[in-house]
């Protein structure tokens, strides 16, 4: 199973689609086509709020296409090592 990146805010995605860092504004279909998706539904679901996550590669491709850093739009999953380190008790010194 691939890592899932969570969309931080769908309004931010909508804004950067209309005001990309380079080029002309994107529609759902044109953004999906520009990142190589065979169908636009995944971008459409993020845009509409029906879904709030996507695969790592899709998140990076969307960010690249609209000209922003991936962490502006998406939050990566928490590291299992970080989660385990905060929940396990420390060994005695």
PDB file of N, CA and C in Angstrom:
ATOM      1  N   UNK A   1       0.846  -1.185   0.000  1.00  0.00           N
ATOM      2  CA  UNK A   1       0.000   0.000   0.000  1.00  0.00           C
ATOM      3  C   UNK A   1       0.888   1.243   0.000  1.00  0.00           C
ATOM      4  N   UNK A   2       0.574   2.191  -0.851  1.00  0.00           N
ATOM      5  CA  UNK A   2       1.393   3.395  -0.931  1.00  0.00           C
ATOM      6  C   UNK A   2       0.977   4.401   0.138  1.00  0.00           C
ATOM      7  N   UNK A   3       1.867   5.336   0.391  1.00  0.00           N
ATOM      8  CA  UNK A   3       1.583   6.380   1.372  1.00  0.00           C
ATOM      9  C   UNK A   3       0.456   7.272   0.881  1.00  0.00           C
ATOM     10  N   UNK A   4      -0.411   7.669   1.782  1.00  0.00           N
ATOM     11  CA  UNK A   4      -1.504   8.576   1.456  1.00  0.00           C
ATOM     12  C   UNK A   4      -1.183   9.952   2.032  1.00  0.00           C
ATOM     13  N   UNK A   5      -1.287  10.958   1.206  1.00  0.00           N
ATOM     14  CA  UNK A   5      -1.072  12.334   1.633  1.00  0.00           C
ATOM     15  C   UNK A   5      -2.430  12.986   1.796  1.00  0.00           C
ATOM     16  N   UNK A   6      -2.610  13.725   2.886  1.00  0.00           N
ATOM     17  CA  UNK A   6      -3.885  14.363   3.195  1.00  0.00           C
ATOM     18  C   UNK A   6      -3.888  15.802   2.678  1.00  0.00           C
ATOM     19  N   UNK A   7      -4.931  16.153   1.945  1.00  0.00           N
ATOM     20  CA  UNK A   7      -5.093  17.525   1.464  1.00  0.00           C
ATOM     21  C   UNK A   7      -5.350  18.426   2.669  1.00  0.00           C
ATOM     22  N   UNK A   8      -4.549  19.459   2.821  1.00  0.00           N
ATOM     23  CA  UNK A   8      -4.683  20.344   3.983  1.00  0.00           C
ATOM     24  C   UNK A   8      -5.958  21.182   3.922  1.00  0.00           C
ATOM     25  N   UNK A   9      -6.279  21.683   2.720  1.00  0.00           N
ATOM     26  CA  UNK A   9      -7.415  22.591   2.600  1.00  0.00           C
ATOM     27  C   UNK A   9      -7.849  22.627   1.136  1.00  0.00           C
ATOM     28  N   UNK A  10      -9.064  22.232   0.861  1.00  0.00           N
ATOM     29  CA  UNK A  10      -9.493  22.174  -0.539  1.00  0.00           C
ATOM     30  C   UNK A  10      -9.604  23.555  -1.164  1.00  0.00           C
ATOM     31  N   UNK A  11      -9.885  24.582  -0.357  1.00  0.00           N
ATOM     32  CA  UNK A  11      -9.929  25.938  -0.897  1.00  0.00           C
ATOM     33  C   UNK A  11      -8.556  26.381  -1.389  1.00  0.00           C
ATOM     34  N   UNK A  12      -7.492  25.927  -0.742  1.00  0.00           N
ATOM     35  CA  UNK A  12      -6.139  26.249  -1.203  1.00  0.00           C
ATOM     36  C   UNK A  12      -5.886  25.594  -2.552  1.00  0.00           C
ATOM     37  N   UNK A  13      -6.321  24.338  -2.683  1.00  0.00           N
ATOM     38  CA  UNK A  13      -6.172  23.647  -3.969  1.00  0.00           C
ATOM     39  C   UNK A  13      -6.937  24.402  -5.054  1.00  0.00           C
ATOM     40  N   UNK A  14      -8.158  24.787  -4.756  1.00  0.00           N
ATOM     41  CA  UNK A  14      -8.964  25.522  -5.730  1.00  0.00           C
ATOM     42  C   UNK A  14      -8.288  26.844  -6.111  1.00  0.00           C
ATOM     43  N   UNK A  15      -7.717  27.535  -5.137  1.00  0.00           N
ATOM     44  CA  UNK A  15      -7.051  28.808  -5.405  1.00  0.00           C
ATOM     45  C   UNK A  15      -5.840  28.622  -6.316  1.00  0.00           C
ATOM     46  N   UNK A  16      -4.975  27.659  -5.988  1.00  0.00           N
ATOM     47  CA  UNK A  16      -3.766  27.488  -6.802  1.00  0.00           C
ATOM     48  C   UNK A  16      -4.084  26.930  -8.181  1.00  0.00           C
ATOM     49  N   UNK A  17      -5.201  26.242  -8.319  1.00  0.00           N
ATOM     50  CA  UNK A  17      -5.612  25.817  -9.651  1.00  0.00           C
ATOM     51  C   UNK A  17      -6.000  27.034 -10.501  1.00  0.00           C
ATOM     52  N   UNK A  18      -6.624  28.014  -9.889  1.00  0.00           N
ATOM     53  CA  UNK A  18      -7.024  29.228 -10.615  1.00  0.00           C
ATOM     54  C   UNK A  18      -5.865  30.208 -10.785  1.00  0.00           C
ATOM     55  N   UNK A  19      -4.871  30.122  -9.906  1.00  0.00           N
ATOM     56  CA  UNK A  19      -3.725  31.043  -9.917  1.00  0.00           C
ATOM     57  C   UNK A  19      -2.423  30.250  -9.800  1.00  0.00           C
ATOM     58  N   UNK A  20      -2.123  29.404 -10.793  1.00  0.00           N
ATOM     59  CA  UNK A  20      -0.903  28.598 -10.697  1.00  0.00           C
ATOM     60  C   UNK A  20       0.347  29.461 -10.781  1.00  0.00           C
ATOM     61  N   UNK A  21       1.436  28.935 -10.268  1.00  0.00           N
ATOM     62  CA  UNK A  21       2.696  29.665 -10.281  1.00  0.00           C
ATOM     63  C   UNK A  21       3.218  29.933 -11.680  1.00  0.00           C
ATOM     64  N   UNK A  22       2.750  29.184 -12.638  1.00  0.00           N
ATOM     65  CA  UNK A  22       3.157  29.387 -14.034  1.00  0.00           C
ATOM     66  C   UNK A  22       2.042  28.883 -14.939  1.00  0.00           C
ATOM     67  N   UNK A  23       1.895  29.516 -16.078  1.00  0.00           N
ATOM     68  CA  UNK A  23       0.906  29.050 -17.047  1.00  0.00           C
ATOM     69  C   UNK A  23      -0.488  29.572 -16.795  1.00  0.00           C
ATOM     70  N   UNK A  24      -1.439  28.927 -17.430  1.00  0.00           N
ATOM     71  CA  UNK A  24      -2.835  29.341 -17.347  1.00  0.00           C
ATOM     72  C   UNK A  24      -3.562  28.545 -16.263  1.00  0.00           C
ATOM     73  N   UNK A  25      -4.696  29.058 -15.804  1.00  0.00           N
ATOM     74  CA  UNK A  25      -5.455  28.338 -14.772  1.00  0.00           C
ATOM     75  C   UNK A  25      -5.841  26.927 -15.224  1.00  0.00           C
ATOM     76  N   UNK A  26      -5.985  26.056 -14.246  1.00  0.00           N
ATOM     77  CA  UNK A  26      -6.352  24.670 -14.495  1.00  0.00           C
ATOM     78  C   UNK A  26      -7.827  24.435 -14.196  1.00  0.00           C
ATOM     79  N   UNK A  27      -8.444  23.587 -14.993  1.00  0.00           N
ATOM     80  CA  UNK A  27      -9.717  22.980 -14.634  1.00  0.00           C
ATOM     81  C   UNK A  27      -9.381  21.634 -14.007  1.00  0.00           C
ATOM     82  N   UNK A  28     -10.378  20.974 -13.455  1.00  0.00           N
ATOM     83  CA  UNK A  28     -10.152  19.634 -12.908  1.00  0.00           C
ATOM     84  C   UNK A  28      -9.599  18.718 -13.992  1.00  0.00           C
ATOM     85  N   UNK A  29     -10.211  18.757 -15.159  1.00  0.00           N
ATOM     86  CA  UNK A  29      -9.784  17.882 -16.258  1.00  0.00           C
ATOM     87  C   UNK A  29      -8.380  18.235 -16.763  1.00  0.00           C
ATOM     88  N   UNK A  30      -8.089  19.523 -16.897  1.00  0.00           N
ATOM     89  CA  UNK A  30      -6.771  19.889 -17.428  1.00  0.00           C
ATOM     90  C   UNK A  30      -5.659  19.574 -16.433  1.00  0.00           C
ATOM     91  N   UNK A  31      -5.925  19.730 -15.138  1.00  0.00           N
ATOM     92  CA  UNK A  31      -4.911  19.370 -14.140  1.00  0.00           C
ATOM     93  C   UNK A  31      -4.678  17.864 -14.159  1.00  0.00           C
ATOM     94  N   UNK A  32      -5.744  17.091 -14.202  1.00  0.00           N
ATOM     95  CA  UNK A  32      -5.597  15.627 -14.249  1.00  0.00           C
ATOM     96  C   UNK A  32      -4.799  15.206 -15.477  1.00  0.00           C
ATOM     97  N   UNK A  33      -5.108  15.814 -16.614  1.00  0.00           N
ATOM     98  CA  UNK A  33      -4.377  15.477 -17.844  1.00  0.00           C
ATOM     99  C   UNK A  33      -2.911  15.879 -17.746  1.00  0.00           C
ATOM    100  N   UNK A  34      -2.636  17.027 -17.153  1.00  0.00           N
ATOM    101  CA  UNK A  34      -1.248  17.505 -17.089  1.00  0.00           C
ATOM    102  C   UNK A  34      -0.372  16.659 -16.177  1.00  0.00           C
ATOM    103  N   UNK A  35      -0.972  15.970 -15.209  1.00  0.00           N
ATOM    104  CA  UNK A  35      -0.166  15.123 -14.319  1.00  0.00           C
ATOM    105  C   UNK A  35      -0.221  13.651 -14.737  1.00  0.00           C
ATOM    106  N   UNK A  36      -0.880  13.375 -15.856  1.00  0.00           N
ATOM    107  CA  UNK A  36      -0.846  12.041 -16.415  1.00  0.00           C
ATOM    108  C   UNK A  36      -1.878  11.062 -15.890  1.00  0.00           C
ATOM    109  N   UNK A  37      -2.929  11.558 -15.251  1.00  0.00           N
ATOM    110  CA  UNK A  37      -3.984  10.650 -14.804  1.00  0.00           C
ATOM    111  C   UNK A  37      -4.869  10.282 -15.990  1.00  0.00           C
ATOM    112  N   UNK A  38      -5.284   9.053 -16.056  1.00  0.00           N
ATOM    113  CA  UNK A  38      -6.117   8.615 -17.174  1.00  0.00           C
ATOM    114  C   UNK A  38      -7.560   9.096 -17.034  1.00  0.00           C
ATOM    115  N   UNK A  39      -7.950   9.468 -15.831  1.00  0.00           N
ATOM    116  CA  UNK A  39      -9.304   9.985 -15.606  1.00  0.00           C
ATOM    117  C   UNK A  39      -9.225  11.130 -14.602  1.00  0.00           C
ATOM    118  N   UNK A  40     -10.132  12.059 -14.693  1.00  0.00           N
ATOM    119  CA  UNK A  40     -10.085  13.262 -13.862  1.00  0.00           C
ATOM    120  C   UNK A  40     -10.733  13.105 -12.488  1.00  0.00           C
ATOM    121  N   UNK A  41     -11.341  11.972 -12.198  1.00  0.00           N
ATOM    122  CA  UNK A  41     -12.129  11.843 -10.969  1.00  0.00           C
ATOM    123  C   UNK A  41     -11.317  12.048  -9.694  1.00  0.00           C
ATOM    124  N   UNK A  42     -10.085  11.608  -9.678  1.00  0.00           N
ATOM    125  CA  UNK A  42      -9.288  11.760  -8.453  1.00  0.00           C
ATOM    126  C   UNK A  42      -9.067  13.235  -8.123  1.00  0.00           C
ATOM    127  N   UNK A  43      -8.726  14.031  -9.114  1.00  0.00           N
ATOM    128  CA  UNK A  43      -8.570  15.472  -8.901  1.00  0.00           C
ATOM    129  C   UNK A  43      -9.930  16.086  -8.570  1.00  0.00           C
ATOM    130  N   UNK A  44     -10.972  15.643  -9.250  1.00  0.00           N
ATOM    131  CA  UNK A  44     -12.317  16.156  -8.978  1.00  0.00           C
ATOM    132  C   UNK A  44     -12.772  15.897  -7.557  1.00  0.00           C
ATOM    133  N   UNK A  45     -12.472  14.726  -7.029  1.00  0.00           N
ATOM    134  CA  UNK A  45     -12.849  14.395  -5.655  1.00  0.00           C
ATOM    135  C   UNK A  45     -12.095  15.257  -4.648  1.00  0.00           C
ATOM    136  N   UNK A  46     -10.828  15.529  -4.905  1.00  0.00           N
ATOM    137  CA  UNK A  46     -10.067  16.426  -4.025  1.00  0.00           C
ATOM    138  C   UNK A  46     -10.633  17.841  -4.107  1.00  0.00           C
ATOM    139  N   UNK A  47     -10.918  18.284  -5.309  1.00  0.00           N
ATOM    140  CA  UNK A  47     -11.430  19.634  -5.561  1.00  0.00           C
ATOM    141  C   UNK A  47     -12.785  19.856  -4.892  1.00  0.00           C
ATOM    142  N   UNK A  48     -13.653  18.844  -4.923  1.00  0.00           N
ATOM    143  CA  UNK A  48     -15.007  18.975  -4.377  1.00  0.00           C
ATOM    144  C   UNK A  48     -15.089  18.691  -2.884  1.00  0.00           C
ATOM    145  N   UNK A  49     -14.067  18.052  -2.328  1.00  0.00           N
ATOM    146  CA  UNK A  49     -14.102  17.683  -0.919  1.00  0.00           C
ATOM    147  C   UNK A  49     -14.630  16.282  -0.676  1.00  0.00           C
ATOM    148  N   UNK A  50     -14.976  15.560  -1.740  1.00  0.00           N
ATOM    149  CA  UNK A  50     -15.453  14.196  -1.588  1.00  0.00           C
ATOM    150  C   UNK A  50     -14.371  13.293  -0.993  1.00  0.00           C
ATOM    151  N   UNK A  51     -13.112  13.571  -1.335  1.00  0.00           N
ATOM    152  CA  UNK A  51     -11.959  12.873  -0.760  1.00  0.00           C
ATOM    153  C   UNK A  51     -10.997  13.913  -0.223  1.00  0.00           C
ATOM    154  N   UNK A  52     -10.226  13.510   0.772  1.00  0.00           N
ATOM    155  CA  UNK A  52      -9.234  14.449   1.307  1.00  0.00           C
ATOM    156  C   UNK A  52      -7.830  13.860   1.309  1.00  0.00           C
ATOM    157  N   UNK A  53      -7.634  12.766   0.553  1.00  0.00           N
ATOM    158  CA  UNK A  53      -6.297  12.185   0.482  1.00  0.00           C
ATOM    159  C   UNK A  53      -6.043  11.590  -0.898  1.00  0.00           C
ATOM    160  N   UNK A  54      -4.759  11.368  -1.171  1.00  0.00           N
ATOM    161  CA  UNK A  54      -4.357  10.771  -2.444  1.00  0.00           C
ATOM    162  C   UNK A  54      -2.985  10.130  -2.259  1.00  0.00           C
ATOM    163  N   UNK A  55      -2.572   9.371  -3.262  1.00  0.00           N
ATOM    164  CA  UNK A  55      -1.248   8.754  -3.225  1.00  0.00           C
ATOM    165  C   UNK A  55      -0.156   9.818  -3.223  1.00  0.00           C
ATOM    166  N   UNK A  56       0.983   9.447  -2.669  1.00  0.00           N
ATOM    167  CA  UNK A  56       2.142  10.334  -2.594  1.00  0.00           C
ATOM    168  C   UNK A  56       2.499  10.903  -3.968  1.00  0.00           C
ATOM    169  N   UNK A  57       2.565  10.045  -4.974  1.00  0.00           N
ATOM    170  CA  UNK A  57       2.967  10.496  -6.311  1.00  0.00           C
ATOM    171  C   UNK A  57       1.987  11.500  -6.898  1.00  0.00           C
ATOM    172  N   UNK A  58       0.711  11.300  -6.663  1.00  0.00           N
ATOM    173  CA  UNK A  58      -0.300  12.236  -7.161  1.00  0.00           C
ATOM    174  C   UNK A  58      -0.169  13.575  -6.439  1.00  0.00           C
ATOM    175  N   UNK A  59       0.027  13.548  -5.134  1.00  0.00           N
ATOM    176  CA  UNK A  59       0.197  14.787  -4.368  1.00  0.00           C
ATOM    177  C   UNK A  59       1.388  15.591  -4.886  1.00  0.00           C
ATOM    178  N   UNK A  60       2.505  14.909  -5.112  1.00  0.00           N
ATOM    179  CA  UNK A  60       3.699  15.597  -5.611  1.00  0.00           C
ATOM    180  C   UNK A  60       3.471  16.142  -7.022  1.00  0.00           C
ATOM    181  N   UNK A  61       2.782  15.374  -7.858  1.00  0.00           N
ATOM    182  CA  UNK A  61       2.517  15.815  -9.232  1.00  0.00           C
ATOM    183  C   UNK A  61       1.595  17.036  -9.258  1.00  0.00           C
ATOM    184  N   UNK A  62       0.575  17.040  -8.417  1.00  0.00           N
ATOM    185  CA  UNK A  62      -0.330  18.195  -8.352  1.00  0.00           C
ATOM    186  C   UNK A  62       0.434  19.433  -7.917  1.00  0.00           C
ATOM    187  N   UNK A  63       1.207  19.311  -6.854  1.00  0.00           N
ATOM    188  CA  UNK A  63       1.976  20.457  -6.351  1.00  0.00           C
ATOM    189  C   UNK A  63       2.938  20.986  -7.410  1.00  0.00           C
ATOM    190  N   UNK A  64       3.615  20.087  -8.090  1.00  0.00           N
ATOM    191  CA  UNK A  64       4.546  20.482  -9.151  1.00  0.00           C
ATOM    192  C   UNK A  64       3.819  21.221 -10.272  1.00  0.00           C
ATOM    193  N   UNK A  65       2.669  20.707 -10.674  1.00  0.00           N
ATOM    194  CA  UNK A  65       1.920  21.304 -11.783  1.00  0.00           C
ATOM    195  C   UNK A  65       1.450  22.717 -11.465  1.00  0.00           C
ATOM    196  N   UNK A  66       0.986  22.941 -10.242  1.00  0.00           N
ATOM    197  CA  UNK A  66       0.463  24.270  -9.888  1.00  0.00           C
ATOM    198  C   UNK A  66       1.543  25.204  -9.368  1.00  0.00           C
ATOM    199  N   UNK A  67       2.754  24.680  -9.179  1.00  0.00           N
ATOM    200  CA  UNK A  67       3.885  25.531  -8.825  1.00  0.00           C
ATOM    201  C   UNK A  67       4.022  25.874  -7.362  1.00  0.00           C
ATOM    202  N   UNK A  68       3.627  24.948  -6.480  1.00  0.00           N
ATOM    203  CA  UNK A  68       3.821  25.167  -5.045  1.00  0.00           C
ATOM    204  C   UNK A  68       4.532  23.959  -4.450  1.00  0.00           C
ATOM    205  N   UNK A  69       5.100  24.142  -3.269  1.00  0.00           N
ATOM    206  CA  UNK A  69       5.718  23.025  -2.559  1.00  0.00           C
ATOM    207  C   UNK A  69       4.623  22.057  -2.114  1.00  0.00           C
ATOM    208  N   UNK A  70       4.920  20.777  -2.149  1.00  0.00           N
ATOM    209  CA  UNK A  70       3.914  19.768  -1.803  1.00  0.00           C
ATOM    210  C   UNK A  70       3.357  19.986  -0.401  1.00  0.00           C
ATOM    211  N   UNK A  71       4.183  20.444   0.535  1.00  0.00           N
ATOM    212  CA  UNK A  71       3.726  20.623   1.916  1.00  0.00           C
ATOM    213  C   UNK A  71       2.780  21.805   2.089  1.00  0.00           C
ATOM    214  N   UNK A  72       2.678  22.658   1.084  1.00  0.00           N
ATOM    215  CA  UNK A  72       1.683  23.738   1.126  1.00  0.00           C
ATOM    216  C   UNK A  72       0.287  23.141   1.008  1.00  0.00           C
ATOM    217  N   UNK A  73       0.131  22.160   0.126  1.00  0.00           N
ATOM    218  CA  UNK A  73      -1.185  21.579  -0.135  1.00  0.00           C
ATOM    219  C   UNK A  73      -1.467  20.290   0.623  1.00  0.00           C
ATOM    220  N   UNK A  74      -0.437  19.500   0.882  1.00  0.00           N
ATOM    221  CA  UNK A  74      -0.638  18.151   1.422  1.00  0.00           C
ATOM    222  C   UNK A  74       0.213  17.900   2.664  1.00  0.00           C
ATOM    223  N   UNK A  75      -0.335  17.088   3.560  1.00  0.00           N
ATOM    224  CA  UNK A  75       0.396  16.636   4.747  1.00  0.00           C
ATOM    225  C   UNK A  75       0.738  15.166   4.556  1.00  0.00           C
ATOM    226  N   UNK A  76       2.028  14.820   4.651  1.00  0.00           N
ATOM    227  CA  UNK A  76       2.404  13.411   4.536  1.00  0.00           C
ATOM    228  C   UNK A  76       1.937  12.647   5.770  1.00  0.00           C
ATOM    229  N   UNK A  77       1.893  11.321   5.660  1.00  0.00           N
ATOM    230  CA  UNK A  77       1.489  10.536   6.833  1.00  0.00           C
ATOM    231  C   UNK A  77       2.533  10.650   7.929  1.00  0.00           C
ATOM    232  N   UNK A  78       2.076  10.485   9.147  1.00  0.00           N
ATOM    233  CA  UNK A  78       3.008  10.494  10.275  1.00  0.00           C
ATOM    234  C   UNK A  78       3.949   9.310  10.150  1.00  0.00           C
ATOM    235  N   UNK A  79       5.195   9.524  10.508  1.00  0.00           N
ATOM    236  CA  UNK A  79       6.178   8.449  10.471  1.00  0.00           C
ATOM    237  C   UNK A  79       5.868   7.445  11.573  1.00  0.00           C
ATOM    238  N   UNK A  80       5.865   6.162  11.260  1.00  0.00           N
ATOM    239  CA  UNK A  80       5.636   5.152  12.303  1.00  0.00           C
ATOM    240  C   UNK A  80       6.670   5.236  13.420  1.00  0.00           C
ATOM    241  N   UNK A  81       7.902   5.595  13.068  1.00  0.00           N
ATOM    242  CA  UNK A  81       8.951   5.713  14.081  1.00  0.00           C
ATOM    243  C   UNK A  81       8.658   6.861  15.033  1.00  0.00           C
ATOM    244  N   UNK A  82       8.175   7.985  14.506  1.00  0.00           N
ATOM    245  CA  UNK A  82       7.838   9.122  15.360  1.00  0.00           C
ATOM    246  C   UNK A  82       6.654   8.783  16.253  1.00  0.00           C
ATOM    247  N   UNK A  83       5.656   8.124  15.713  1.00  0.00           N
ATOM    248  CA  UNK A  83       4.479   7.753  16.493  1.00  0.00           C
ATOM    249  C   UNK A  83       4.868   6.781  17.604  1.00  0.00           C
ATOM    250  N   UNK A  84       5.669   5.785  17.287  1.00  0.00           N
ATOM    251  CA  UNK A  84       6.080   4.803  18.295  1.00  0.00           C
ATOM    252  C   UNK A  84       6.937   5.473  19.371  1.00  0.00           C
ATOM    253  N   UNK A  85       7.769   6.396  18.988  1.00  0.00           N
ATOM    254  CA  UNK A  85       8.650   7.060  19.961  1.00  0.00           C
ATOM    255  C   UNK A  85       7.863   7.915  20.932  1.00  0.00           C
ATOM    256  N   UNK A  86       6.730   8.456  20.518  1.00  0.00           N
ATOM    257  CA  UNK A  86       5.963   9.312  21.424  1.00  0.00           C
ATOM    258  C   UNK A  86       4.994   8.528  22.288  1.00  0.00           C
ATOM    259  N   UNK A  87       4.715   7.265  21.934  1.00  0.00           N
ATOM    260  CA  UNK A  87       3.743   6.495  22.708  1.00  0.00           C
ATOM    261  C   UNK A  87       4.382   5.453  23.601  1.00  0.00           C
ATOM    262  N   UNK A  88       5.626   5.089  23.333  1.00  0.00           N
ATOM    263  CA  UNK A  88       6.280   4.085  24.153  1.00  0.00           C
ATOM    264  C   UNK A  88       7.020   4.742  25.314  1.00  0.00           C
ATOM    265  N   UNK A  89       6.958   4.132  26.491  1.00  0.00           N
ATOM    266  CA  UNK A  89       7.703   4.716  27.629  1.00  0.00           C
ATOM    267  C   UNK A  89       9.194   4.610  27.415  1.00  0.00           C
ATOM    268  N   UNK A  90       9.906   5.574  27.964  1.00  0.00           N
ATOM    269  CA  UNK A  90      11.368   5.568  27.862  1.00  0.00           C
ATOM    270  C   UNK A  90      11.927   4.530  28.825  1.00  0.00           C
ATOM    271  N   UNK A  91      13.005   3.845  28.423  1.00  0.00           N
ATOM    272  CA  UNK A  91      13.627   2.859  29.324  1.00  0.00           C
ATOM    273  C   UNK A  91      14.289   3.596  30.507  1.00  0.00           C
ATOM    274  N   UNK A  92      14.371   2.920  31.626  1.00  0.00           N
ATOM    275  CA  UNK A  92      15.014   3.553  32.794  1.00  0.00           C
ATOM    276  C   UNK A  92      16.486   3.853  32.504  1.00  0.00           C
ATOM    277  N   UNK A  93      16.955   4.931  33.078  1.00  0.00           N
ATOM    278  CA  UNK A  93      18.348   5.350  32.854  1.00  0.00           C
ATOM    279  C   UNK A  93      19.316   4.607  33.702  1.00  0.00           C
TER     280      UNK A  93
END
